[in-house]
Amino acid sequence: MNKIVNFLGKPRTIENVIKNRKISWLELFYDLIFAVVFSRLTESLLEHRTLTGFINAILTFFWLIWGWGELSGYFDNHGNDSIINILIINIDMILIGLASIFIPEAVNGNFHYIT
């Protein structure tokens, strides 16, 4: 069992601060995914310039930015280069990328695909 834990890696504790930590390419790509999300949100908001479209865009924005903040906070406090952490961020990037395809529908009021 201990070999599996070592292979997958366990999160580092918040007291275990990494000195001179540098941002990885994976983290930069993760942030780039959110640049696409913001672009899709603003394009969709310009197409649906109604109060309902604005409210739907704000809801979609806060839902996606909450997810970004949670995962970024986790990696800042507990992340390391273990396989499980790399899988978590890659799966999240794929899901956010797929969700960004359906942002125009969400701003239009159809949240079925994005959720």
PDB file of N, CA and C in Angstrom:
ATOM      1  N   MET A   1       0.822  -1.199   0.000  1.00  0.00           N
ATOM      2  CA  MET A   1       0.000   0.000   0.000  1.00  0.00           C
ATOM      3  C   MET A   1       0.866   1.264   0.000  1.00  0.00           C
ATOM      4  N   ASN A   2       1.970   1.243   0.745  1.00  0.00           N
ATOM      5  CA  ASN A   2       2.845   2.401   0.826  1.00  0.00           C
ATOM      6  C   ASN A   2       3.491   2.706  -0.528  1.00  0.00           C
ATOM      7  N   LYS A   3       3.765   1.644  -1.336  1.00  0.00           N
ATOM      8  CA  LYS A   3       4.335   1.847  -2.657  1.00  0.00           C
ATOM      9  C   LYS A   3       3.354   2.592  -3.554  1.00  0.00           C
ATOM     10  N   ILE A   4       2.071   2.280  -3.431  1.00  0.00           N
ATOM     11  CA  ILE A   4       1.053   2.964  -4.233  1.00  0.00           C
ATOM     12  C   ILE A   4       0.968   4.430  -3.840  1.00  0.00           C
ATOM     13  N   VAL A   5       0.990   4.717  -2.553  1.00  0.00           N
ATOM     14  CA  VAL A   5       0.947   6.105  -2.080  1.00  0.00           C
ATOM     15  C   VAL A   5       2.162   6.874  -2.585  1.00  0.00           C
ATOM     16  N   ASN A   6       3.337   6.249  -2.545  1.00  0.00           N
ATOM     17  CA  ASN A   6       4.541   6.909  -3.037  1.00  0.00           C
ATOM     18  C   ASN A   6       4.462   7.148  -4.542  1.00  0.00           C
ATOM     19  N   PHE A   7       3.890   6.182  -5.288  1.00  0.00           N
ATOM     20  CA  PHE A   7       3.773   6.314  -6.739  1.00  0.00           C
ATOM     21  C   PHE A   7       2.794   7.425  -7.110  1.00  0.00           C
ATOM     22  N   LEU A   8       1.633   7.429  -6.478  1.00  0.00           N
ATOM     23  CA  LEU A   8       0.636   8.454  -6.779  1.00  0.00           C
ATOM     24  C   LEU A   8       1.018   9.787  -6.169  1.00  0.00           C
ATOM     25  N   GLY A   9       1.673   9.752  -5.056  1.00  0.00           N
ATOM     26  CA  GLY A   9       2.058  10.982  -4.366  1.00  0.00           C
ATOM     27  C   GLY A   9       0.937  11.466  -3.484  1.00  0.00           C
ATOM     28  N   LYS A  10       1.294  12.030  -2.385  1.00  0.00           N
ATOM     29  CA  LYS A  10       0.279  12.624  -1.528  1.00  0.00           C
ATOM     30  C   LYS A  10       0.494  14.128  -1.521  1.00  0.00           C
ATOM     31  N   PRO A  11      -0.542  14.895  -1.308  1.00  0.00           N
ATOM     32  CA  PRO A  11      -0.395  16.353  -1.328  1.00  0.00           C
ATOM     33  C   PRO A  11       0.585  16.814  -0.260  1.00  0.00           C
ATOM     34  N   ARG A  12       1.330  17.840  -0.593  1.00  0.00           N
ATOM     35  CA  ARG A  12       2.237  18.395   0.405  1.00  0.00           C
ATOM     36  C   ARG A  12       1.419  19.218   1.394  1.00  0.00           C
ATOM     37  N   THR A  13       1.920  19.334   2.587  1.00  0.00           N
ATOM     38  CA  THR A  13       1.208  20.118   3.591  1.00  0.00           C
ATOM     39  C   THR A  13       1.414  21.603   3.326  1.00  0.00           C
ATOM     40  N   ILE A  14       0.538  22.406   3.866  1.00  0.00           N
ATOM     41  CA  ILE A  14       0.612  23.854   3.640  1.00  0.00           C
ATOM     42  C   ILE A  14       1.849  24.447   4.294  1.00  0.00           C
ATOM     43  N   GLU A  15       2.379  23.771   5.326  1.00  0.00           N
ATOM     44  CA  GLU A  15       3.594  24.258   5.967  1.00  0.00           C
ATOM     45  C   GLU A  15       4.832  23.990   5.112  1.00  0.00           C
ATOM     46  N   ASN A  16       4.746  23.043   4.192  1.00  0.00           N
ATOM     47  CA  ASN A  16       5.860  22.680   3.328  1.00  0.00           C
ATOM     48  C   ASN A  16       5.906  23.642   2.132  1.00  0.00           C
ATOM     49  N   VAL A  17       6.433  24.832   2.364  1.00  0.00           N
ATOM     50  CA  VAL A  17       6.492  25.875   1.341  1.00  0.00           C
ATOM     51  C   VAL A  17       7.665  25.590   0.409  1.00  0.00           C
ATOM     52  N   ILE A  18       7.428  25.698  -0.889  1.00  0.00           N
ATOM     53  CA  ILE A  18       8.480  25.493  -1.868  1.00  0.00           C
ATOM     54  C   ILE A  18       9.184  26.829  -2.093  1.00  0.00           C
ATOM     55  N   LYS A  19      10.436  26.882  -1.752  1.00  0.00           N
ATOM     56  CA  LYS A  19      11.208  28.118  -1.913  1.00  0.00           C
ATOM     57  C   LYS A  19      11.528  28.321  -3.394  1.00  0.00           C
ATOM     58  N   ASN A  20      11.476  29.559  -3.842  1.00  0.00           N
ATOM     59  CA  ASN A  20      11.786  29.927  -5.225  1.00  0.00           C
ATOM     60  C   ASN A  20      10.991  29.100  -6.239  1.00  0.00           C
ATOM     61  N   ARG A  21       9.723  28.877  -5.927  1.00  0.00           N
ATOM     62  CA  ARG A  21       8.862  28.085  -6.806  1.00  0.00           C
ATOM     63  C   ARG A  21       8.637  28.824  -8.120  1.00  0.00           C
ATOM     64  N   LYS A  22       8.713  28.098  -9.220  1.00  0.00           N
ATOM     65  CA  LYS A  22       8.452  28.663 -10.537  1.00  0.00           C
ATOM     66  C   LYS A  22       7.180  28.057 -11.100  1.00  0.00           C
ATOM     67  N   ILE A  23       6.505  28.831 -11.907  1.00  0.00           N
ATOM     68  CA  ILE A  23       5.276  28.364 -12.535  1.00  0.00           C
ATOM     69  C   ILE A  23       5.626  27.356 -13.620  1.00  0.00           C
ATOM     70  N   SER A  24       4.882  26.254 -13.660  1.00  0.00           N
ATOM     71  CA  SER A  24       5.141  25.227 -14.670  1.00  0.00           C
ATOM     72  C   SER A  24       4.390  25.552 -15.963  1.00  0.00           C
ATOM     73  N   TRP A  25       4.789  24.882 -17.031  1.00  0.00           N
ATOM     74  CA  TRP A  25       4.106  25.056 -18.316  1.00  0.00           C
ATOM     75  C   TRP A  25       2.662  24.593 -18.221  1.00  0.00           C
ATOM     76  N   LEU A  26       2.418  23.584 -17.425  1.00  0.00           N
ATOM     77  CA  LEU A  26       1.058  23.079 -17.264  1.00  0.00           C
ATOM     78  C   LEU A  26       0.162  24.129 -16.616  1.00  0.00           C
ATOM     79  N   GLU A  27       0.678  24.839 -15.623  1.00  0.00           N
ATOM     80  CA  GLU A  27      -0.101  25.902 -14.991  1.00  0.00           C
ATOM     81  C   GLU A  27      -0.369  27.054 -15.955  1.00  0.00           C
ATOM     82  N   LEU A  28       0.613  27.382 -16.791  1.00  0.00           N
ATOM     83  CA  LEU A  28       0.411  28.441 -17.779  1.00  0.00           C
ATOM     84  C   LEU A  28      -0.630  28.040 -18.816  1.00  0.00           C
ATOM     85  N   PHE A  29      -0.606  26.785 -19.233  1.00  0.00           N
ATOM     86  CA  PHE A  29      -1.614  26.310 -20.183  1.00  0.00           C
ATOM     87  C   PHE A  29      -2.988  26.308 -19.546  1.00  0.00           C
ATOM     88  N   TYR A  30      -3.052  25.960 -18.269  1.00  0.00           N
ATOM     89  CA  TYR A  30      -4.317  25.984 -17.536  1.00  0.00           C
ATOM     90  C   TYR A  30      -4.890  27.403 -17.513  1.00  0.00           C
ATOM     91  N   ASP A  31      -4.042  28.402 -17.291  1.00  0.00           N
ATOM     92  CA  ASP A  31      -4.497  29.789 -17.310  1.00  0.00           C
ATOM     93  C   ASP A  31      -4.915  30.213 -18.717  1.00  0.00           C
ATOM     94  N   LEU A  32      -4.255  29.686 -19.728  1.00  0.00           N
ATOM     95  CA  LEU A  32      -4.628  29.992 -21.111  1.00  0.00           C
ATOM     96  C   LEU A  32      -6.025  29.473 -21.439  1.00  0.00           C
ATOM     97  N   ILE A  33      -6.392  28.346 -20.872  1.00  0.00           N
ATOM     98  CA  ILE A  33      -7.748  27.813 -21.064  1.00  0.00           C
ATOM     99  C   ILE A  33      -8.764  28.846 -20.571  1.00  0.00           C
ATOM    100  N   PHE A  34      -8.461  29.506 -19.470  1.00  0.00           N
ATOM    101  CA  PHE A  34      -9.392  30.504 -18.941  1.00  0.00           C
ATOM    102  C   PHE A  34      -9.394  31.783 -19.760  1.00  0.00           C
ATOM    103  N   ALA A  35      -8.328  32.072 -20.463  1.00  0.00           N
ATOM    104  CA  ALA A  35      -8.354  33.194 -21.404  1.00  0.00           C
ATOM    105  C   ALA A  35      -9.363  32.901 -22.520  1.00  0.00           C
ATOM    106  N   VAL A  36      -9.419  31.656 -22.961  1.00  0.00           N
ATOM    107  CA  VAL A  36     -10.416  31.251 -23.962  1.00  0.00           C
ATOM    108  C   VAL A  36     -11.822  31.364 -23.381  1.00  0.00           C
ATOM    109  N   VAL A  37     -11.984  30.961 -22.133  1.00  0.00           N
ATOM    110  CA  VAL A  37     -13.294  31.061 -21.472  1.00  0.00           C
ATOM    111  C   VAL A  37     -13.755  32.511 -21.425  1.00  0.00           C
ATOM    112  N   PHE A  38     -12.877  33.429 -21.042  1.00  0.00           N
ATOM    113  CA  PHE A  38     -13.257  34.848 -20.968  1.00  0.00           C
ATOM    114  C   PHE A  38     -13.579  35.401 -22.351  1.00  0.00           C
ATOM    115  N   SER A  39     -12.836  34.968 -23.334  1.00  0.00           N
ATOM    116  CA  SER A  39     -13.116  35.402 -24.706  1.00  0.00           C
ATOM    117  C   SER A  39     -14.485  34.918 -25.160  1.00  0.00           C
ATOM    118  N   ARG A  40     -14.796  33.659 -24.895  1.00  0.00           N
ATOM    119  CA  ARG A  40     -16.106  33.096 -25.277  1.00  0.00           C
ATOM    120  C   ARG A  40     -17.235  33.795 -24.522  1.00  0.00           C
ATOM    121  N   LEU A  41     -16.994  34.115 -23.261  1.00  0.00           N
ATOM    122  CA  LEU A  41     -18.022  34.810 -22.481  1.00  0.00           C
ATOM    123  C   LEU A  41     -18.305  36.205 -23.042  1.00  0.00           C
ATOM    124  N   THR A  42     -17.259  36.947 -23.366  1.00  0.00           N
ATOM    125  CA  THR A  42     -17.485  38.302 -23.876  1.00  0.00           C
ATOM    126  C   THR A  42     -18.116  38.280 -25.260  1.00  0.00           C
ATOM    127  N   GLU A  43     -17.711  37.337 -26.118  1.00  0.00           N
ATOM    128  CA  GLU A  43     -18.347  37.202 -27.432  1.00  0.00           C
ATOM    129  C   GLU A  43     -19.827  36.886 -27.279  1.00  0.00           C
ATOM    130  N   SER A  44     -20.133  35.968 -26.392  1.00  0.00           N
ATOM    131  CA  SER A  44     -21.527  35.570 -26.184  1.00  0.00           C
ATOM    132  C   SER A  44     -22.348  36.695 -25.585  1.00  0.00           C
ATOM    133  N   LEU A  45     -21.735  37.454 -24.696  1.00  0.00           N
ATOM    134  CA  LEU A  45     -22.445  38.578 -24.080  1.00  0.00           C
ATOM    135  C   LEU A  45     -22.755  39.659 -25.121  1.00  0.00           C
ATOM    136  N   LEU A  46     -21.841  39.866 -26.051  1.00  0.00           N
ATOM    137  CA  LEU A  46     -22.101  40.841 -27.108  1.00  0.00           C
ATOM    138  C   LEU A  46     -23.226  40.390 -28.045  1.00  0.00           C
ATOM    139  N   GLU A  47     -23.376  39.089 -28.227  1.00  0.00           N
ATOM    140  CA  GLU A  47     -24.452  38.570 -29.072  1.00  0.00           C
ATOM    141  C   GLU A  47     -25.804  38.634 -28.369  1.00  0.00           C
ATOM    142  N   HIS A  48     -25.819  38.490 -27.068  1.00  0.00           N
ATOM    143  CA  HIS A  48     -27.071  38.466 -26.299  1.00  0.00           C
ATOM    144  C   HIS A  48     -27.075  39.646 -25.336  1.00  0.00           C
ATOM    145  N   ARG A  49     -27.241  40.825 -25.875  1.00  0.00           N
ATOM    146  CA  ARG A  49     -27.221  42.040 -25.050  1.00  0.00           C
ATOM    147  C   ARG A  49     -28.588  42.295 -24.433  1.00  0.00           C
ATOM    148  N   THR A  50     -28.974  41.408 -23.549  1.00  0.00           N
ATOM    149  CA  THR A  50     -30.212  41.554 -22.799  1.00  0.00           C
ATOM    150  C   THR A  50     -29.877  41.409 -21.317  1.00  0.00           C
ATOM    151  N   LEU A  51     -30.814  41.761 -20.479  1.00  0.00           N
ATOM    152  CA  LEU A  51     -30.606  41.606 -19.041  1.00  0.00           C
ATOM    153  C   LEU A  51     -30.437  40.128 -18.685  1.00  0.00           C
ATOM    154  N   THR A  52     -31.246  39.275 -19.289  1.00  0.00           N
ATOM    155  CA  THR A  52     -31.145  37.836 -19.026  1.00  0.00           C
ATOM    156  C   THR A  52     -29.792  37.301 -19.495  1.00  0.00           C
ATOM    157  N   GLY A  53     -29.329  37.736 -20.675  1.00  0.00           N
ATOM    158  CA  GLY A  53     -28.031  37.309 -21.167  1.00  0.00           C
ATOM    159  C   GLY A  53     -26.909  37.764 -20.252  1.00  0.00           C
ATOM    160  N   PHE A  54     -27.021  38.986 -19.726  1.00  0.00           N
ATOM    161  CA  PHE A  54     -26.017  39.510 -18.806  1.00  0.00           C
ATOM    162  C   PHE A  54     -25.983  38.700 -17.511  1.00  0.00           C
ATOM    163  N   ILE A  55     -27.148  38.397 -16.977  1.00  0.00           N
ATOM    164  CA  ILE A  55     -27.231  37.610 -15.736  1.00  0.00           C
ATOM    165  C   ILE A  55     -26.676  36.205 -15.970  1.00  0.00           C
ATOM    166  N   ASN A  56     -27.036  35.598 -17.101  1.00  0.00           N
ATOM    167  CA  ASN A  56     -26.513  34.256 -17.415  1.00  0.00           C
ATOM    168  C   ASN A  56     -24.993  34.275 -17.603  1.00  0.00           C
ATOM    169  N   ALA A  57     -24.477  35.331 -18.223  1.00  0.00           N
ATOM    170  CA  ALA A  57     -23.025  35.445 -18.402  1.00  0.00           C
ATOM    171  C   ALA A  57     -22.329  35.607 -17.056  1.00  0.00           C
ATOM    172  N   ILE A  58     -22.917  36.393 -16.171  1.00  0.00           N
ATOM    173  CA  ILE A  58     -22.333  36.580 -14.835  1.00  0.00           C
ATOM    174  C   ILE A  58     -22.346  35.267 -14.059  1.00  0.00           C
ATOM    175  N   LEU A  59     -23.448  34.526 -14.131  1.00  0.00           N
ATOM    176  CA  LEU A  59     -23.525  33.225 -13.448  1.00  0.00           C
ATOM    177  C   LEU A  59     -22.487  32.258 -14.006  1.00  0.00           C
ATOM    178  N   THR A  60     -22.362  32.204 -15.318  1.00  0.00           N
ATOM    179  CA  THR A  60     -21.383  31.323 -15.946  1.00  0.00           C
ATOM    180  C   THR A  60     -19.963  31.735 -15.559  1.00  0.00           C
ATOM    181  N   PHE A  61     -19.708  33.034 -15.568  1.00  0.00           N
ATOM    182  CA  PHE A  61     -18.384  33.549 -15.193  1.00  0.00           C
ATOM    183  C   PHE A  61     -18.032  33.141 -13.767  1.00  0.00           C
ATOM    184  N   PHE A  62     -18.950  33.380 -12.821  1.00  0.00           N
ATOM    185  CA  PHE A  62     -18.636  33.066 -11.434  1.00  0.00           C
ATOM    186  C   PHE A  62     -18.509  31.576 -11.195  1.00  0.00           C
ATOM    187  N   TRP A  63     -19.262  30.759 -11.921  1.00  0.00           N
ATOM    188  CA  TRP A  63     -19.151  29.314 -11.785  1.00  0.00           C
ATOM    189  C   TRP A  63     -17.778  28.851 -12.260  1.00  0.00           C
ATOM    190  N   LEU A  64     -17.322  29.361 -13.407  1.00  0.00           N
ATOM    191  CA  LEU A  64     -16.036  28.947 -13.946  1.00  0.00           C
ATOM    192  C   LEU A  64     -14.863  29.541 -13.160  1.00  0.00           C
ATOM    193  N   ILE A  65     -14.976  30.788 -12.728  1.00  0.00           N
ATOM    194  CA  ILE A  65     -13.875  31.410 -11.978  1.00  0.00           C
ATOM    195  C   ILE A  65     -13.751  30.777 -10.584  1.00  0.00           C
ATOM    196  N   TRP A  66     -14.858  30.321 -10.035  1.00  0.00           N
ATOM    197  CA  TRP A  66     -14.815  29.606  -8.757  1.00  0.00           C
ATOM    198  C   TRP A  66     -14.008  28.319  -8.923  1.00  0.00           C
ATOM    199  N   GLY A  67     -14.262  27.584  -9.995  1.00  0.00           N
ATOM    200  CA  GLY A  67     -13.513  26.354 -10.249  1.00  0.00           C
ATOM    201  C   GLY A  67     -12.038  26.614 -10.459  1.00  0.00           C
ATOM    202  N   TRP A  68     -11.721  27.696 -11.170  1.00  0.00           N
ATOM    203  CA  TRP A  68     -10.326  28.066 -11.387  1.00  0.00           C
ATOM    204  C   TRP A  68      -9.651  28.415 -10.063  1.00  0.00           C
ATOM    205  N   GLY A  69     -10.331  29.179  -9.241  1.00  0.00           N
ATOM    206  CA  GLY A  69      -9.776  29.586  -7.947  1.00  0.00           C
ATOM    207  C   GLY A  69      -9.559  28.415  -7.018  1.00  0.00           C
ATOM    208  N   GLU A  70     -10.495  27.489  -7.007  1.00  0.00           N
ATOM    209  CA  GLU A  70     -10.367  26.315  -6.133  1.00  0.00           C
ATOM    210  C   GLU A  70      -9.177  25.459  -6.538  1.00  0.00           C
ATOM    211  N   LEU A  71      -9.055  25.169  -7.820  1.00  0.00           N
ATOM    212  CA  LEU A  71      -7.964  24.311  -8.254  1.00  0.00           C
ATOM    213  C   LEU A  71      -6.621  25.030  -8.145  1.00  0.00           C
ATOM    214  N   SER A  72      -6.580  26.308  -8.475  1.00  0.00           N
ATOM    215  CA  SER A  72      -5.333  27.069  -8.343  1.00  0.00           C
ATOM    216  C   SER A  72      -4.912  27.162  -6.879  1.00  0.00           C
ATOM    217  N   GLY A  73      -5.862  27.380  -5.991  1.00  0.00           N
ATOM    218  CA  GLY A  73      -5.563  27.423  -4.562  1.00  0.00           C
ATOM    219  C   GLY A  73      -5.056  26.103  -4.045  1.00  0.00           C
ATOM    220  N   TYR A  74      -5.647  25.014  -4.534  1.00  0.00           N
ATOM    221  CA  TYR A  74      -5.181  23.690  -4.123  1.00  0.00           C
ATOM    222  C   TYR A  74      -3.722  23.491  -4.522  1.00  0.00           C
ATOM    223  N   PHE A  75      -3.394  23.818  -5.775  1.00  0.00           N
ATOM    224  CA  PHE A  75      -2.025  23.598  -6.232  1.00  0.00           C
ATOM    225  C   PHE A  75      -1.033  24.550  -5.590  1.00  0.00           C
ATOM    226  N   ASP A  76      -1.455  25.767  -5.277  1.00  0.00           N
ATOM    227  CA  ASP A  76      -0.554  26.684  -4.570  1.00  0.00           C
ATOM    228  C   ASP A  76      -0.235  26.172  -3.169  1.00  0.00           C
ATOM    229  N   ASN A  77      -1.224  25.580  -2.512  1.00  0.00           N
ATOM    230  CA  ASN A  77      -1.050  25.152  -1.127  1.00  0.00           C
ATOM    231  C   ASN A  77      -0.582  23.712  -0.969  1.00  0.00           C
ATOM    232  N   HIS A  78      -1.002  22.817  -1.895  1.00  0.00           N
ATOM    233  CA  HIS A  78      -0.752  21.398  -1.688  1.00  0.00           C
ATOM    234  C   HIS A  78      -0.159  20.688  -2.893  1.00  0.00           C
ATOM    235  N   GLY A  79      -0.026  21.358  -4.017  1.00  0.00           N
ATOM    236  CA  GLY A  79       0.374  20.695  -5.246  1.00  0.00           C
ATOM    237  C   GLY A  79       1.827  20.272  -5.275  1.00  0.00           C
ATOM    238  N   ASN A  80       2.074  19.244  -6.046  1.00  0.00           N
ATOM    239  CA  ASN A  80       3.422  18.774  -6.304  1.00  0.00           C
ATOM    240  C   ASN A  80       3.418  18.118  -7.686  1.00  0.00           C
ATOM    241  N   ASP A  81       4.506  17.501  -8.072  1.00  0.00           N
ATOM    242  CA  ASP A  81       4.599  16.903  -9.400  1.00  0.00           C
ATOM    243  C   ASP A  81       4.194  15.437  -9.423  1.00  0.00           C
ATOM    244  N   SER A  82       3.301  15.035  -8.541  1.00  0.00           N
ATOM    245  CA  SER A  82       2.877  13.640  -8.513  1.00  0.00           C
ATOM    246  C   SER A  82       1.914  13.356  -9.671  1.00  0.00           C
ATOM    247  N   ILE A  83       1.794  12.098  -9.986  1.00  0.00           N
ATOM    248  CA  ILE A  83       0.926  11.689 -11.090  1.00  0.00           C
ATOM    249  C   ILE A  83      -0.514  12.094 -10.829  1.00  0.00           C
ATOM    250  N   ILE A  84      -0.995  11.937  -9.621  1.00  0.00           N
ATOM    251  CA  ILE A  84      -2.393  12.256  -9.312  1.00  0.00           C
ATOM    252  C   ILE A  84      -2.670  13.742  -9.507  1.00  0.00           C
ATOM    253  N   ASN A  85      -1.743  14.615  -9.131  1.00  0.00           N
ATOM    254  CA  ASN A  85      -1.941  16.051  -9.330  1.00  0.00           C
ATOM    255  C   ASN A  85      -1.935  16.418 -10.805  1.00  0.00           C
ATOM    256  N   ILE A  86      -1.053  15.807 -11.578  1.00  0.00           N
ATOM    257  CA  ILE A  86      -1.017  16.074 -13.015  1.00  0.00           C
ATOM    258  C   ILE A  86      -2.295  15.578 -13.676  1.00  0.00           C
ATOM    259  N   LEU A  87      -2.808  14.426 -13.242  1.00  0.00           N
ATOM    260  CA  LEU A  87      -4.077  13.931 -13.784  1.00  0.00           C
ATOM    261  C   LEU A  87      -5.237  14.864 -13.436  1.00  0.00           C
ATOM    262  N   ILE A  88      -5.257  15.352 -12.206  1.00  0.00           N
ATOM    263  CA  ILE A  88      -6.337  16.249 -11.782  1.00  0.00           C
ATOM    264  C   ILE A  88      -6.367  17.499 -12.644  1.00  0.00           C
ATOM    265  N   ILE A  89      -5.222  18.129 -12.849  1.00  0.00           N
ATOM    266  CA  ILE A  89      -5.217  19.378 -13.608  1.00  0.00           C
ATOM    267  C   ILE A  89      -5.512  19.128 -15.086  1.00  0.00           C
ATOM    268  N   ASN A  90      -5.051  18.003 -15.637  1.00  0.00           N
ATOM    269  CA  ASN A  90      -5.350  17.705 -17.040  1.00  0.00           C
ATOM    270  C   ASN A  90      -6.821  17.401 -17.255  1.00  0.00           C
ATOM    271  N   ILE A  91      -7.416  16.648 -16.358  1.00  0.00           N
ATOM    272  CA  ILE A  91      -8.847  16.352 -16.474  1.00  0.00           C
ATOM    273  C   ILE A  91      -9.655  17.634 -16.336  1.00  0.00           C
ATOM    274  N   ASP A  92      -9.257  18.491 -15.400  1.00  0.00           N
ATOM    275  CA  ASP A  92      -9.967  19.756 -15.232  1.00  0.00           C
ATOM    276  C   ASP A  92      -9.833  20.638 -16.471  1.00  0.00           C
ATOM    277  N   MET A  93      -8.653  20.672 -17.079  1.00  0.00           N
ATOM    278  CA  MET A  93      -8.472  21.469 -18.293  1.00  0.00           C
ATOM    279  C   MET A  93      -9.343  20.939 -19.428  1.00  0.00           C
ATOM    280  N   ILE A  94      -9.430  19.629 -19.561  1.00  0.00           N
ATOM    281  CA  ILE A  94     -10.270  19.046 -20.614  1.00  0.00           C
ATOM    282  C   ILE A  94     -11.729  19.394 -20.373  1.00  0.00           C
ATOM    283  N   LEU A  95     -12.188  19.273 -19.129  1.00  0.00           N
ATOM    284  CA  LEU A  95     -13.583  19.579 -18.826  1.00  0.00           C
ATOM    285  C   LEU A  95     -13.909  21.059 -19.026  1.00  0.00           C
ATOM    286  N   ILE A  96     -13.009  21.944 -18.616  1.00  0.00           N
ATOM    287  CA  ILE A  96     -13.227  23.376 -18.811  1.00  0.00           C
ATOM    288  C   ILE A  96     -13.198  23.712 -20.298  1.00  0.00           C
ATOM    289  N   GLY A  97     -12.288  23.089 -21.053  1.00  0.00           N
ATOM    290  CA  GLY A  97     -12.248  23.298 -22.495  1.00  0.00           C
ATOM    291  C   GLY A  97     -13.536  22.856 -23.167  1.00  0.00           C
ATOM    292  N   LEU A  98     -14.062  21.715 -22.754  1.00  0.00           N
ATOM    293  CA  LEU A  98     -15.350  21.249 -23.298  1.00  0.00           C
ATOM    294  C   LEU A  98     -16.487  22.175 -22.884  1.00  0.00           C
ATOM    295  N   ALA A  99     -16.446  22.647 -21.649  1.00  0.00           N
ATOM    296  CA  ALA A  99     -17.495  23.565 -21.184  1.00  0.00           C
ATOM    297  C   ALA A  99     -17.459  24.874 -21.958  1.00  0.00           C
ATOM    298  N   SER A 100     -16.260  25.316 -22.349  1.00  0.00           N
ATOM    299  CA  SER A 100     -16.173  26.590 -23.071  1.00  0.00           C
ATOM    300  C   SER A 100     -16.843  26.515 -24.438  1.00  0.00           C
ATOM    301  N   ILE A 101     -16.966  25.323 -24.983  1.00  0.00           N
ATOM    302  CA  ILE A 101     -17.677  25.166 -26.260  1.00  0.00           C
ATOM    303  C   ILE A 101     -19.140  25.579 -26.102  1.00  0.00           C
ATOM    304  N   PHE A 102     -19.704  25.320 -24.938  1.00  0.00           N
ATOM    305  CA  PHE A 102     -21.134  25.547 -24.724  1.00  0.00           C
ATOM    306  C   PHE A 102     -21.445  26.846 -23.980  1.00  0.00           C
ATOM    307  N   ILE A 103     -20.474  27.737 -23.857  1.00  0.00           N
ATOM    308  CA  ILE A 103     -20.720  29.017 -23.194  1.00  0.00           C
ATOM    309  C   ILE A 103     -21.790  29.842 -23.908  1.00  0.00           C
ATOM    310  N   PRO A 104     -21.799  29.918 -25.252  1.00  0.00           N
ATOM    311  CA  PRO A 104     -22.868  30.700 -25.900  1.00  0.00           C
ATOM    312  C   PRO A 104     -24.271  30.194 -25.568  1.00  0.00           C
ATOM    313  N   GLU A 105     -24.438  28.874 -25.474  1.00  0.00           N
ATOM    314  CA  GLU A 105     -25.740  28.328 -25.101  1.00  0.00           C
ATOM    315  C   GLU A 105     -26.106  28.694 -23.663  1.00  0.00           C
ATOM    316  N   ALA A 106     -25.097  28.701 -22.770  1.00  0.00           N
ATOM    317  CA  ALA A 106     -25.345  29.061 -21.371  1.00  0.00           C
ATOM    318  C   ALA A 106     -25.759  30.517 -21.249  1.00  0.00           C
ATOM    319  N   VAL A 107     -25.105  31.402 -21.992  1.00  0.00           N
ATOM    320  CA  VAL A 107     -25.462  32.817 -21.943  1.00  0.00           C
ATOM    321  C   VAL A 107     -26.859  33.019 -22.518  1.00  0.00           C
ATOM    322  N   ASN A 108     -27.233  32.158 -23.459  1.00  0.00           N
ATOM    323  CA  ASN A 108     -28.577  32.221 -24.032  1.00  0.00           C
ATOM    324  C   ASN A 108     -29.626  31.617 -23.097  1.00  0.00           C
ATOM    325  N   GLY A 109     -29.202  30.987 -22.009  1.00  0.00           N
ATOM    326  CA  GLY A 109     -30.141  30.454 -21.023  1.00  0.00           C
ATOM    327  C   GLY A 109     -30.206  28.946 -20.972  1.00  0.00           C
ATOM    328  N   ASN A 110     -29.464  28.244 -21.829  1.00  0.00           N
ATOM    329  CA  ASN A 110     -29.483  26.788 -21.839  1.00  0.00           C
ATOM    330  C   ASN A 110     -28.224  26.279 -21.131  1.00  0.00           C
ATOM    331  N   PHE A 111     -28.345  25.952 -19.842  1.00  0.00           N
ATOM    332  CA  PHE A 111     -27.224  25.494 -19.039  1.00  0.00           C
ATOM    333  C   PHE A 111     -27.064  23.973 -19.071  1.00  0.00           C
ATOM    334  N   HIS A 112     -27.884  23.308 -19.860  1.00  0.00           N
ATOM    335  CA  HIS A 112     -27.905  21.854 -19.879  1.00  0.00           C
ATOM    336  C   HIS A 112     -26.541  21.273 -20.254  1.00  0.00           C
ATOM    337  N   TYR A 113     -25.923  21.749 -21.319  1.00  0.00           N
ATOM    338  CA  TYR A 113     -24.660  21.171 -21.783  1.00  0.00           C
ATOM    339  C   TYR A 113     -23.458  21.584 -20.944  1.00  0.00           C
ATOM    340  N   ILE A 114     -23.451  22.786 -20.448  1.00  0.00           N
ATOM    341  CA  ILE A 114     -22.285  23.263 -19.701  1.00  0.00           C
ATOM    342  C   ILE A 114     -22.198  22.621 -18.315  1.00  0.00           C
ATOM    343  N   THR A 115     -23.309  22.202 -17.762  1.00  0.00           N
ATOM    344  CA  THR A 115     -23.249  21.556 -16.462  1.00  0.00           C
ATOM    345  C   THR A 115     -22.986  20.092 -16.611  1.00  0.00           C
TER     346      THR A 115
END
